[in-house]
Amino acid sequence: MPTRWITRLEILLTFGLVLGCLGALAGLATNAGMAFFGTPDGTGIPLRVFDVPAEGLAAGGATIDAVRADVRVSPDGAGPLHGLLYLLMWAPGTATWLLAVFTLVRALRRARSGDRALFSTATAQDLRRLGWILIAGSLVSAVIGMVAEAILSSMLLAESYLFYPPSGDVLGVVVTGFAALGVSEIIRRGLALLEEVEATV
């Protein structure tokens, strides 16, 4: 059956979507506990520390120029503002990924039930929507996360910075979004050409 691989991929992504939603709910519960009851043991707010002293770490004949460390900071007691800022650090990106996976699952479901499988107008529209979700969502999430991390660092660390560069994953997600837009345009133009050929015949 030509749509068998589509069905399997849809099942796999649906399973991943369910697990992602459960993980997001667990994160929200942790955030709420941090905001109103204090940080649980073994958890904390992940922050980045730059210019960490590195004396004695380099071997002979080598020099360490800069060290960056990822630390987990646990505020003392309940901190509603800490919880809100930490929520802004991870929730927009998580929501973007969940929405993107949901859009992809819906596109696969439509493709499986359609006459032309993946080569259809609905698939082109879903891919265009997926592309803009990845592009806009990742950029907005990166900006919100940078601002939230800068504020949290100024509150919880002795030394902080005004600008925290986003993760390198943002560039990959944006490129993936543009790739989805490109595939959508290819399908759209292919369908237009196919309609012209069918009309001619």
N, C-alpha and C. Protein backbone atom coordinates (compact mmCIF):
# COMPACT_ATOMS: atom_id res chain seq x y z
N MET A 1 0.85 -1.19 0.00
CA MET A 1 0.00 0.00 0.00
C MET A 1 0.89 1.24 0.00
N PRO A 2 0.69 2.20 -0.93
CA PRO A 2 1.59 3.34 -1.04
C PRO A 2 1.53 4.27 0.16
N THR A 3 0.44 4.27 0.91
CA THR A 3 0.32 5.19 2.04
C THR A 3 0.71 4.53 3.37
N ARG A 4 1.29 3.33 3.32
CA ARG A 4 1.61 2.63 4.57
C ARG A 4 2.66 3.40 5.37
N TRP A 5 3.69 3.94 4.68
CA TRP A 5 4.72 4.68 5.41
C TRP A 5 4.16 5.98 5.98
N ILE A 6 3.18 6.56 5.30
CA ILE A 6 2.55 7.78 5.83
C ILE A 6 1.79 7.45 7.12
N THR A 7 1.10 6.32 7.12
CA THR A 7 0.37 5.90 8.31
C THR A 7 1.31 5.67 9.48
N ARG A 8 2.42 4.99 9.22
CA ARG A 8 3.38 4.72 10.29
C ARG A 8 4.00 6.00 10.83
N LEU A 9 4.33 6.92 9.93
CA LEU A 9 4.90 8.19 10.37
C LEU A 9 3.89 9.00 11.16
N GLU A 10 2.64 8.96 10.73
CA GLU A 10 1.59 9.67 11.47
C GLU A 10 1.43 9.11 12.88
N ILE A 11 1.46 7.79 13.01
CA ILE A 11 1.34 7.16 14.34
C ILE A 11 2.52 7.55 15.22
N LEU A 12 3.72 7.54 14.64
CA LEU A 12 4.93 7.89 15.40
C LEU A 12 4.88 9.35 15.87
N LEU A 13 4.49 10.25 14.98
CA LEU A 13 4.42 11.66 15.35
C LEU A 13 3.29 11.93 16.34
N THR A 14 2.18 11.21 16.20
CA THR A 14 1.09 11.36 17.16
C THR A 14 1.53 10.93 18.55
N PHE A 15 2.26 9.83 18.62
CA PHE A 15 2.79 9.37 19.90
C PHE A 15 3.75 10.41 20.49
N GLY A 16 4.60 10.98 19.63
CA GLY A 16 5.50 12.03 20.10
C GLY A 16 4.76 13.27 20.55
N LEU A 17 3.66 13.60 19.86
CA LEU A 17 2.86 14.76 20.25
C LEU A 17 2.23 14.56 21.62
N VAL A 18 1.71 13.36 21.87
CA VAL A 18 1.12 13.06 23.17
C VAL A 18 2.17 13.17 24.27
N LEU A 19 3.35 12.58 24.04
CA LEU A 19 4.42 12.66 25.03
C LEU A 19 4.86 14.11 25.24
N GLY A 20 4.91 14.89 24.16
CA GLY A 20 5.28 16.30 24.30
C GLY A 20 4.27 17.08 25.12
N CYS A 21 2.99 16.81 24.91
CA CYS A 21 1.95 17.49 25.70
C CYS A 21 2.06 17.11 27.17
N LEU A 22 2.31 15.83 27.44
CA LEU A 22 2.47 15.40 28.84
C LEU A 22 3.70 16.05 29.47
N GLY A 23 4.78 16.15 28.70
CA GLY A 23 5.97 16.82 29.21
C GLY A 23 5.73 18.29 29.47
N ALA A 24 4.96 18.94 28.59
CA ALA A 24 4.65 20.36 28.80
C ALA A 24 3.80 20.55 30.05
N LEU A 25 2.84 19.65 30.26
CA LEU A 25 2.02 19.74 31.47
C LEU A 25 2.87 19.54 32.73
N ALA A 26 3.83 18.60 32.66
CA ALA A 26 4.73 18.40 33.80
C ALA A 26 5.57 19.64 34.04
N GLY A 27 6.03 20.27 32.97
CA GLY A 27 6.78 21.51 33.12
C GLY A 27 5.96 22.63 33.73
N LEU A 28 4.70 22.73 33.33
CA LEU A 28 3.82 23.74 33.91
C LEU A 28 3.60 23.49 35.40
N ALA A 29 3.45 22.21 35.77
CA ALA A 29 3.27 21.88 37.18
C ALA A 29 4.53 22.24 37.98
N THR A 30 5.70 21.95 37.42
CA THR A 30 6.95 22.32 38.09
C THR A 30 7.08 23.82 38.24
N ASN A 31 6.70 24.54 37.18
CA ASN A 31 6.74 26.00 37.23
C ASN A 31 5.81 26.55 38.29
N ALA A 32 4.60 25.99 38.38
CA ALA A 32 3.64 26.45 39.38
C ALA A 32 4.16 26.18 40.79
N GLY A 33 4.77 25.00 40.98
CA GLY A 33 5.34 24.70 42.29
C GLY A 33 6.46 25.64 42.64
N MET A 34 7.30 25.98 41.66
CA MET A 34 8.39 26.91 41.90
C MET A 34 7.88 28.29 42.25
N ALA A 35 6.79 28.70 41.60
CA ALA A 35 6.27 30.05 41.83
C ALA A 35 5.58 30.20 43.17
N PHE A 36 4.90 29.15 43.63
CA PHE A 36 4.07 29.31 44.82
C PHE A 36 4.55 28.52 46.04
N PHE A 37 5.41 27.52 45.84
CA PHE A 37 5.84 26.70 46.97
C PHE A 37 7.35 26.60 47.11
N GLY A 38 8.10 27.12 46.16
CA GLY A 38 9.55 27.02 46.21
C GLY A 38 10.06 25.98 45.23
N THR A 39 11.35 26.03 44.97
CA THR A 39 11.96 25.11 44.00
C THR A 39 12.13 23.73 44.60
N PRO A 40 11.58 22.69 43.96
CA PRO A 40 11.77 21.32 44.49
C PRO A 40 13.24 20.91 44.46
N ASP A 41 13.60 19.97 45.32
CA ASP A 41 14.96 19.45 45.35
C ASP A 41 15.29 18.77 44.02
N GLY A 42 16.50 19.02 43.54
CA GLY A 42 16.94 18.40 42.30
C GLY A 42 16.56 19.18 41.05
N THR A 43 15.84 20.26 41.20
CA THR A 43 15.47 21.08 40.05
C THR A 43 16.01 22.49 40.26
N GLY A 44 15.89 23.29 39.26
CA GLY A 44 16.36 24.67 39.35
C GLY A 44 16.17 25.35 38.01
N ILE A 45 16.52 26.61 37.95
CA ILE A 45 16.39 27.40 36.73
C ILE A 45 17.72 27.33 35.98
N PRO A 46 17.73 26.81 34.76
CA PRO A 46 18.99 26.73 34.00
C PRO A 46 19.39 28.10 33.46
N LEU A 47 20.59 28.52 33.83
CA LEU A 47 21.13 29.80 33.37
C LEU A 47 22.55 29.57 32.86
N ARG A 48 23.04 30.54 32.10
CA ARG A 48 24.38 30.44 31.55
C ARG A 48 25.31 31.43 32.25
N VAL A 49 26.53 30.99 32.53
CA VAL A 49 27.54 31.82 33.17
C VAL A 49 28.74 31.89 32.24
N PHE A 50 29.21 33.11 31.97
CA PHE A 50 30.33 33.31 31.08
C PHE A 50 31.57 33.76 31.88
N ASP A 51 32.71 33.70 31.23
CA ASP A 51 33.98 34.14 31.84
C ASP A 51 34.24 33.42 33.15
N VAL A 52 34.05 32.12 33.16
CA VAL A 52 34.33 31.32 34.35
C VAL A 52 35.84 31.17 34.50
N PRO A 53 36.40 31.36 35.70
CA PRO A 53 37.85 31.18 35.88
C PRO A 53 38.29 29.77 35.47
N ALA A 54 39.39 29.70 34.72
CA ALA A 54 39.86 28.41 34.20
C ALA A 54 41.31 28.14 34.55
N GLU A 55 41.80 28.78 35.63
CA GLU A 55 43.19 28.56 36.02
C GLU A 55 43.41 27.09 36.39
N GLY A 56 44.47 26.52 35.85
CA GLY A 56 44.83 25.17 36.19
C GLY A 56 44.13 24.10 35.38
N LEU A 57 43.25 24.48 34.48
CA LEU A 57 42.53 23.48 33.68
C LEU A 57 43.28 23.09 32.41
N ALA A 58 44.10 24.01 31.89
CA ALA A 58 44.79 23.74 30.64
C ALA A 58 46.08 22.97 30.89
N ALA A 59 46.39 22.08 29.96
CA ALA A 59 47.65 21.34 30.03
C ALA A 59 48.79 22.24 29.57
N GLY A 60 50.02 21.76 29.75
CA GLY A 60 51.17 22.54 29.34
C GLY A 60 51.17 22.80 27.85
N GLY A 61 51.46 24.04 27.46
CA GLY A 61 51.47 24.42 26.07
C GLY A 61 50.12 24.79 25.51
N ALA A 62 49.09 24.86 26.35
CA ALA A 62 47.74 25.22 25.89
C ALA A 62 47.19 26.33 26.77
N THR A 63 46.30 27.09 26.20
CA THR A 63 45.69 28.21 26.92
C THR A 63 44.18 28.16 26.71
N ILE A 64 43.44 28.32 27.78
CA ILE A 64 41.99 28.38 27.70
C ILE A 64 41.59 29.85 27.66
N ASP A 65 40.94 30.26 26.58
CA ASP A 65 40.58 31.67 26.42
C ASP A 65 39.30 32.04 27.16
N ALA A 66 38.30 31.18 27.08
CA ALA A 66 37.01 31.51 27.71
C ALA A 66 36.30 30.22 28.09
N VAL A 67 35.58 30.29 29.18
CA VAL A 67 34.82 29.14 29.65
C VAL A 67 33.39 29.57 29.89
N ARG A 68 32.46 28.81 29.35
CA ARG A 68 31.03 29.04 29.60
C ARG A 68 30.48 27.84 30.32
N ALA A 69 29.67 28.09 31.34
CA ALA A 69 29.10 27.00 32.13
C ALA A 69 27.58 27.14 32.19
N ASP A 70 26.91 25.99 32.18
CA ASP A 70 25.47 25.95 32.39
C ASP A 70 25.21 25.58 33.85
N VAL A 71 24.51 26.43 34.55
CA VAL A 71 24.25 26.20 35.98
C VAL A 71 22.75 26.15 36.22
N ARG A 72 22.38 25.50 37.31
CA ARG A 72 20.98 25.47 37.74
C ARG A 72 20.88 26.20 39.07
N VAL A 73 20.10 27.26 39.08
CA VAL A 73 19.97 28.12 40.25
C VAL A 73 18.62 27.86 40.91
N SER A 74 18.64 27.63 42.21
CA SER A 74 17.41 27.38 42.96
C SER A 74 17.13 28.58 43.87
N PRO A 75 16.15 29.40 43.56
CA PRO A 75 15.82 30.53 44.43
C PRO A 75 15.36 30.04 45.81
N ASP A 76 15.61 30.84 46.81
CA ASP A 76 15.17 30.52 48.17
C ASP A 76 13.69 30.87 48.32
N GLY A 77 12.88 29.88 48.66
CA GLY A 77 11.46 30.11 48.88
C GLY A 77 10.69 30.28 47.59
N ALA A 78 9.42 30.61 47.75
CA ALA A 78 8.54 30.80 46.59
C ALA A 78 8.92 32.08 45.85
N GLY A 79 8.81 32.04 44.55
CA GLY A 79 9.13 33.21 43.73
C GLY A 79 8.23 33.30 42.52
N PRO A 80 7.08 33.95 42.64
CA PRO A 80 6.17 34.06 41.48
C PRO A 80 6.82 34.68 40.26
N LEU A 81 7.64 35.72 40.48
CA LEU A 81 8.29 36.37 39.34
C LEU A 81 9.33 35.44 38.72
N HIS A 82 10.06 34.70 39.55
CA HIS A 82 11.02 33.73 39.03
C HIS A 82 10.31 32.66 38.20
N GLY A 83 9.19 32.18 38.71
CA GLY A 83 8.44 31.17 37.98
C GLY A 83 7.92 31.68 36.65
N LEU A 84 7.44 32.93 36.64
CA LEU A 84 6.91 33.51 35.40
C LEU A 84 8.03 33.67 34.37
N LEU A 85 9.17 34.19 34.79
CA LEU A 85 10.27 34.40 33.85
C LEU A 85 10.82 33.07 33.33
N TYR A 86 10.90 32.09 34.21
CA TYR A 86 11.36 30.77 33.76
C TYR A 86 10.36 30.16 32.78
N LEU A 87 9.08 30.40 33.01
CA LEU A 87 8.05 29.93 32.08
C LEU A 87 8.25 30.55 30.70
N LEU A 88 8.59 31.83 30.67
CA LEU A 88 8.82 32.52 29.40
C LEU A 88 10.08 32.02 28.70
N MET A 89 10.99 31.41 29.45
CA MET A 89 12.22 30.89 28.84
C MET A 89 11.96 29.64 28.01
N TRP A 90 11.04 28.77 28.46
CA TRP A 90 10.88 27.50 27.76
C TRP A 90 9.51 27.30 27.11
N ALA A 91 8.47 27.93 27.65
CA ALA A 91 7.12 27.65 27.16
C ALA A 91 6.89 28.07 25.70
N PRO A 92 7.33 29.28 25.25
CA PRO A 92 7.07 29.63 23.84
C PRO A 92 7.72 28.66 22.85
N GLY A 93 8.94 28.22 23.12
CA GLY A 93 9.58 27.26 22.24
C GLY A 93 8.88 25.92 22.23
N THR A 94 8.46 25.47 23.42
CA THR A 94 7.73 24.21 23.50
C THR A 94 6.40 24.29 22.76
N ALA A 95 5.70 25.41 22.93
CA ALA A 95 4.43 25.58 22.22
C ALA A 95 4.64 25.59 20.71
N THR A 96 5.73 26.19 20.25
CA THR A 96 6.03 26.20 18.82
C THR A 96 6.23 24.80 18.29
N TRP A 97 7.01 23.97 19.01
CA TRP A 97 7.25 22.61 18.56
C TRP A 97 5.97 21.77 18.58
N LEU A 98 5.17 21.93 19.62
CA LEU A 98 3.92 21.15 19.69
C LEU A 98 2.98 21.54 18.55
N LEU A 99 2.88 22.83 18.28
CA LEU A 99 2.02 23.29 17.19
C LEU A 99 2.54 22.80 15.84
N ALA A 100 3.87 22.79 15.68
CA ALA A 100 4.45 22.32 14.42
C ALA A 100 4.19 20.82 14.23
N VAL A 101 4.36 20.04 15.28
CA VAL A 101 4.11 18.59 15.17
C VAL A 101 2.63 18.33 14.91
N PHE A 102 1.75 19.08 15.57
CA PHE A 102 0.31 18.92 15.34
C PHE A 102 -0.03 19.23 13.88
N THR A 103 0.56 20.28 13.33
CA THR A 103 0.31 20.63 11.93
C THR A 103 0.81 19.54 11.00
N LEU A 104 1.97 18.97 11.32
CA LEU A 104 2.51 17.89 10.49
C LEU A 104 1.66 16.63 10.57
N VAL A 105 1.16 16.31 11.76
CA VAL A 105 0.28 15.14 11.91
C VAL A 105 -1.00 15.35 11.10
N ARG A 106 -1.56 16.55 11.17
CA ARG A 106 -2.79 16.81 10.40
C ARG A 106 -2.53 16.74 8.90
N ALA A 107 -1.36 17.21 8.46
CA ALA A 107 -1.02 17.14 7.04
C ALA A 107 -0.90 15.68 6.59
N LEU A 108 -0.28 14.85 7.42
CA LEU A 108 -0.15 13.44 7.07
C LEU A 108 -1.50 12.74 7.05
N ARG A 109 -2.38 13.10 7.98
CA ARG A 109 -3.70 12.48 8.01
C ARG A 109 -4.49 12.85 6.75
N ARG A 110 -4.41 14.12 6.34
CA ARG A 110 -5.10 14.53 5.12
C ARG A 110 -4.50 13.85 3.90
N ALA A 111 -3.16 13.75 3.88
CA ALA A 111 -2.50 13.12 2.74
C ALA A 111 -2.87 11.66 2.63
N ARG A 112 -3.00 10.99 3.77
CA ARG A 112 -3.34 9.56 3.76
C ARG A 112 -4.75 9.33 3.24
N SER A 113 -5.64 10.27 3.50
CA SER A 113 -7.03 10.08 3.08
C SER A 113 -7.34 10.69 1.72
N GLY A 114 -6.39 11.44 1.16
CA GLY A 114 -6.64 12.09 -0.12
C GLY A 114 -6.35 11.19 -1.30
N ASP A 115 -6.77 11.64 -2.48
CA ASP A 115 -6.56 10.85 -3.69
C ASP A 115 -5.11 10.89 -4.17
N ARG A 116 -4.47 12.04 -4.01
CA ARG A 116 -3.11 12.20 -4.52
C ARG A 116 -2.06 12.12 -3.41
N ALA A 117 -2.45 11.59 -2.28
CA ALA A 117 -1.53 11.44 -1.14
C ALA A 117 -0.89 12.78 -0.81
N LEU A 118 0.43 12.86 -0.82
CA LEU A 118 1.11 14.08 -0.39
C LEU A 118 1.03 15.20 -1.43
N PHE A 119 0.75 14.86 -2.67
CA PHE A 119 0.76 15.85 -3.74
C PHE A 119 -0.64 16.44 -3.90
N SER A 120 -0.99 17.40 -3.01
CA SER A 120 -2.33 17.99 -3.04
C SER A 120 -2.27 19.42 -2.54
N THR A 121 -3.34 20.15 -2.82
CA THR A 121 -3.41 21.54 -2.37
C THR A 121 -3.42 21.65 -0.86
N ALA A 122 -4.12 20.72 -0.18
CA ALA A 122 -4.17 20.73 1.29
C ALA A 122 -2.78 20.53 1.88
N THR A 123 -1.99 19.65 1.28
CA THR A 123 -0.63 19.42 1.77
C THR A 123 0.22 20.67 1.59
N ALA A 124 0.08 21.33 0.45
CA ALA A 124 0.84 22.56 0.22
C ALA A 124 0.47 23.62 1.25
N GLN A 125 -0.80 23.75 1.58
CA GLN A 125 -1.23 24.73 2.58
C GLN A 125 -0.70 24.38 3.97
N ASP A 126 -0.74 23.08 4.30
CA ASP A 126 -0.24 22.67 5.61
C ASP A 126 1.27 22.90 5.72
N LEU A 127 2.01 22.64 4.66
CA LEU A 127 3.45 22.87 4.67
C LEU A 127 3.77 24.36 4.77
N ARG A 128 2.99 25.20 4.11
CA ARG A 128 3.19 26.64 4.23
C ARG A 128 2.92 27.10 5.65
N ARG A 129 1.86 26.57 6.25
CA ARG A 129 1.55 26.90 7.64
C ARG A 129 2.65 26.41 8.58
N LEU A 130 3.15 25.21 8.33
CA LEU A 130 4.23 24.66 9.15
C LEU A 130 5.48 25.52 9.05
N GLY A 131 5.81 25.96 7.85
CA GLY A 131 6.99 26.80 7.67
C GLY A 131 6.92 28.09 8.45
N TRP A 132 5.77 28.76 8.40
CA TRP A 132 5.64 30.03 9.13
C TRP A 132 5.58 29.81 10.63
N ILE A 133 5.04 28.68 11.06
CA ILE A 133 5.05 28.37 12.50
C ILE A 133 6.49 28.22 12.99
N LEU A 134 7.30 27.49 12.23
CA LEU A 134 8.68 27.28 12.64
C LEU A 134 9.49 28.57 12.60
N ILE A 135 9.30 29.36 11.56
CA ILE A 135 10.09 30.59 11.42
C ILE A 135 9.68 31.61 12.48
N ALA A 136 8.40 31.98 12.49
CA ALA A 136 7.95 33.00 13.43
C ALA A 136 8.03 32.52 14.87
N GLY A 137 7.63 31.27 15.11
CA GLY A 137 7.65 30.76 16.48
C GLY A 137 9.04 30.70 17.07
N SER A 138 10.01 30.24 16.28
CA SER A 138 11.37 30.13 16.82
C SER A 138 11.98 31.50 17.06
N LEU A 139 11.74 32.46 16.16
CA LEU A 139 12.30 33.80 16.35
C LEU A 139 11.68 34.50 17.56
N VAL A 140 10.36 34.43 17.68
CA VAL A 140 9.69 35.05 18.82
C VAL A 140 10.11 34.38 20.13
N SER A 141 10.19 33.05 20.11
CA SER A 141 10.61 32.32 21.31
C SER A 141 12.02 32.70 21.71
N ALA A 142 12.91 32.86 20.72
CA ALA A 142 14.30 33.22 21.02
C ALA A 142 14.38 34.60 21.67
N VAL A 143 13.62 35.55 21.14
CA VAL A 143 13.65 36.91 21.70
C VAL A 143 13.09 36.92 23.12
N ILE A 144 11.95 36.27 23.32
CA ILE A 144 11.35 36.22 24.66
C ILE A 144 12.28 35.51 25.64
N GLY A 145 12.88 34.41 25.20
CA GLY A 145 13.79 33.67 26.07
C GLY A 145 15.02 34.47 26.44
N MET A 146 15.58 35.22 25.49
CA MET A 146 16.76 36.04 25.79
C MET A 146 16.44 37.11 26.82
N VAL A 147 15.30 37.77 26.66
CA VAL A 147 14.91 38.81 27.61
C VAL A 147 14.66 38.22 28.99
N ALA A 148 13.94 37.09 29.04
CA ALA A 148 13.64 36.47 30.33
C ALA A 148 14.92 35.99 31.02
N GLU A 149 15.85 35.41 30.23
CA GLU A 149 17.11 34.94 30.83
C GLU A 149 17.95 36.10 31.35
N ALA A 150 17.97 37.21 30.63
CA ALA A 150 18.73 38.37 31.10
C ALA A 150 18.17 38.90 32.41
N ILE A 151 16.84 38.97 32.53
CA ILE A 151 16.24 39.46 33.76
C ILE A 151 16.49 38.50 34.91
N LEU A 152 16.31 37.20 34.66
CA LEU A 152 16.55 36.21 35.70
C LEU A 152 18.00 36.20 36.16
N SER A 153 18.92 36.32 35.21
CA SER A 153 20.33 36.33 35.57
C SER A 153 20.67 37.54 36.44
N SER A 154 20.07 38.68 36.13
CA SER A 154 20.33 39.86 36.96
C SER A 154 19.76 39.71 38.37
N MET A 155 18.73 38.85 38.52
CA MET A 155 18.12 38.66 39.83
C MET A 155 18.80 37.56 40.64
N LEU A 156 19.35 36.54 39.96
CA LEU A 156 19.82 35.35 40.67
C LEU A 156 21.33 35.16 40.63
N LEU A 157 22.03 35.88 39.76
CA LEU A 157 23.48 35.71 39.65
C LEU A 157 24.18 37.00 40.06
N ALA A 158 25.38 36.84 40.59
CA ALA A 158 26.16 38.01 41.02
C ALA A 158 26.64 38.82 39.82
N GLU A 159 26.87 38.15 38.70
CA GLU A 159 27.32 38.82 37.48
C GLU A 159 26.43 38.41 36.33
N SER A 160 25.86 39.37 35.65
CA SER A 160 24.95 39.08 34.54
C SER A 160 25.28 39.99 33.38
N TYR A 161 24.63 39.72 32.25
CA TYR A 161 24.87 40.46 31.02
C TYR A 161 23.55 40.94 30.45
N LEU A 162 23.64 41.98 29.62
CA LEU A 162 22.42 42.50 29.00
C LEU A 162 21.94 41.64 27.85
N PHE A 163 22.86 40.89 27.24
CA PHE A 163 22.50 40.10 26.06
C PHE A 163 22.99 38.67 26.24
N TYR A 164 22.08 37.73 26.04
CA TYR A 164 22.41 36.31 26.06
C TYR A 164 22.07 35.74 24.69
N PRO A 165 23.07 35.28 23.95
CA PRO A 165 22.80 34.80 22.58
C PRO A 165 21.86 33.60 22.60
N PRO A 166 21.00 33.50 21.61
CA PRO A 166 20.08 32.35 21.56
C PRO A 166 20.82 31.07 21.23
N SER A 167 20.16 29.97 21.44
CA SER A 167 20.73 28.67 21.12
C SER A 167 20.96 28.53 19.63
N GLY A 168 21.97 27.75 19.26
CA GLY A 168 22.24 27.53 17.84
C GLY A 168 21.15 26.76 17.14
N ASP A 169 20.25 26.13 17.91
CA ASP A 169 19.14 25.38 17.30
C ASP A 169 18.17 26.30 16.56
N VAL A 170 18.14 27.59 16.94
CA VAL A 170 17.19 28.52 16.32
C VAL A 170 17.45 28.62 14.83
N LEU A 171 18.72 28.70 14.44
CA LEU A 171 19.05 28.81 13.02
C LEU A 171 18.59 27.57 12.26
N GLY A 172 18.79 26.40 12.84
CA GLY A 172 18.35 25.17 12.19
C GLY A 172 16.84 25.12 12.02
N VAL A 173 16.11 25.58 13.03
CA VAL A 173 14.65 25.58 12.94
C VAL A 173 14.17 26.56 11.87
N VAL A 174 14.80 27.74 11.80
CA VAL A 174 14.42 28.72 10.78
C VAL A 174 14.69 28.17 9.38
N VAL A 175 15.84 27.52 9.21
CA VAL A 175 16.16 26.92 7.90
C VAL A 175 15.14 25.83 7.55
N THR A 176 14.75 25.03 8.55
CA THR A 176 13.73 24.01 8.31
C THR A 176 12.40 24.64 7.90
N GLY A 177 12.07 25.77 8.52
CA GLY A 177 10.84 26.47 8.16
C GLY A 177 10.87 26.96 6.71
N PHE A 178 12.01 27.53 6.30
CA PHE A 178 12.12 27.97 4.91
C PHE A 178 12.09 26.78 3.95
N ALA A 179 12.65 25.64 4.37
CA ALA A 179 12.59 24.44 3.54
C ALA A 179 11.14 23.99 3.35
N ALA A 180 10.35 24.05 4.43
CA ALA A 180 8.93 23.69 4.33
C ALA A 180 8.20 24.64 3.37
N LEU A 181 8.53 25.93 3.43
CA LEU A 181 7.91 26.88 2.50
C LEU A 181 8.31 26.56 1.06
N GLY A 182 9.58 26.18 0.86
CA GLY A 182 10.04 25.84 -0.48
C GLY A 182 9.33 24.62 -1.03
N VAL A 183 9.20 23.56 -0.21
CA VAL A 183 8.50 22.36 -0.66
C VAL A 183 7.03 22.68 -0.95
N SER A 184 6.44 23.53 -0.14
CA SER A 184 5.04 23.93 -0.37
C SER A 184 4.89 24.62 -1.71
N GLU A 185 5.83 25.50 -2.04
CA GLU A 185 5.76 26.21 -3.32
C GLU A 185 5.97 25.25 -4.49
N ILE A 186 6.86 24.27 -4.32
CA ILE A 186 7.09 23.28 -5.38
C ILE A 186 5.81 22.49 -5.64
N ILE A 187 5.14 22.07 -4.56
CA ILE A 187 3.90 21.31 -4.72
C ILE A 187 2.84 22.17 -5.38
N ARG A 188 2.75 23.43 -4.96
CA ARG A 188 1.73 24.31 -5.53
C ARG A 188 1.94 24.51 -7.02
N ARG A 189 3.18 24.76 -7.43
CA ARG A 189 3.45 24.96 -8.85
C ARG A 189 3.29 23.66 -9.64
N GLY A 190 3.66 22.54 -9.01
CA GLY A 190 3.46 21.25 -9.68
C GLY A 190 2.00 20.96 -9.92
N LEU A 191 1.16 21.30 -8.95
CA LEU A 191 -0.28 21.08 -9.12
C LEU A 191 -0.84 21.98 -10.21
N ALA A 192 -0.36 23.24 -10.26
CA ALA A 192 -0.82 24.15 -11.30
C ALA A 192 -0.43 23.61 -12.68
N LEU A 193 0.78 23.11 -12.81
CA LEU A 193 1.22 22.54 -14.08
C LEU A 193 0.41 21.29 -14.45
N LEU A 194 0.13 20.46 -13.43
CA LEU A 194 -0.65 19.24 -13.69
C LEU A 194 -2.07 19.59 -14.14
N GLU A 195 -2.66 20.63 -13.56
CA GLU A 195 -3.99 21.04 -13.97
C GLU A 195 -3.99 21.55 -15.40
N GLU A 196 -2.92 22.26 -15.78
CA GLU A 196 -2.83 22.74 -17.16
C GLU A 196 -2.72 21.57 -18.14
N VAL A 197 -1.92 20.57 -17.76
CA VAL A 197 -1.75 19.40 -18.63
C VAL A 197 -3.07 18.65 -18.76
N GLU A 198 -3.77 18.46 -17.63
CA GLU A 198 -5.05 17.75 -17.68
C GLU A 198 -6.09 18.53 -18.48
N ALA A 199 -6.06 19.86 -18.36
CA ALA A 199 -7.01 20.67 -19.13
C ALA A 199 -6.70 20.59 -20.63
N THR A 200 -5.41 20.52 -20.96
CA THR A 200 -5.02 20.41 -22.38
C THR A 200 -5.44 19.07 -22.96
N VAL A 201 -5.22 18.00 -22.17
CA VAL A 201 -5.60 16.67 -22.65
C VAL A 201 -7.11 16.54 -22.74
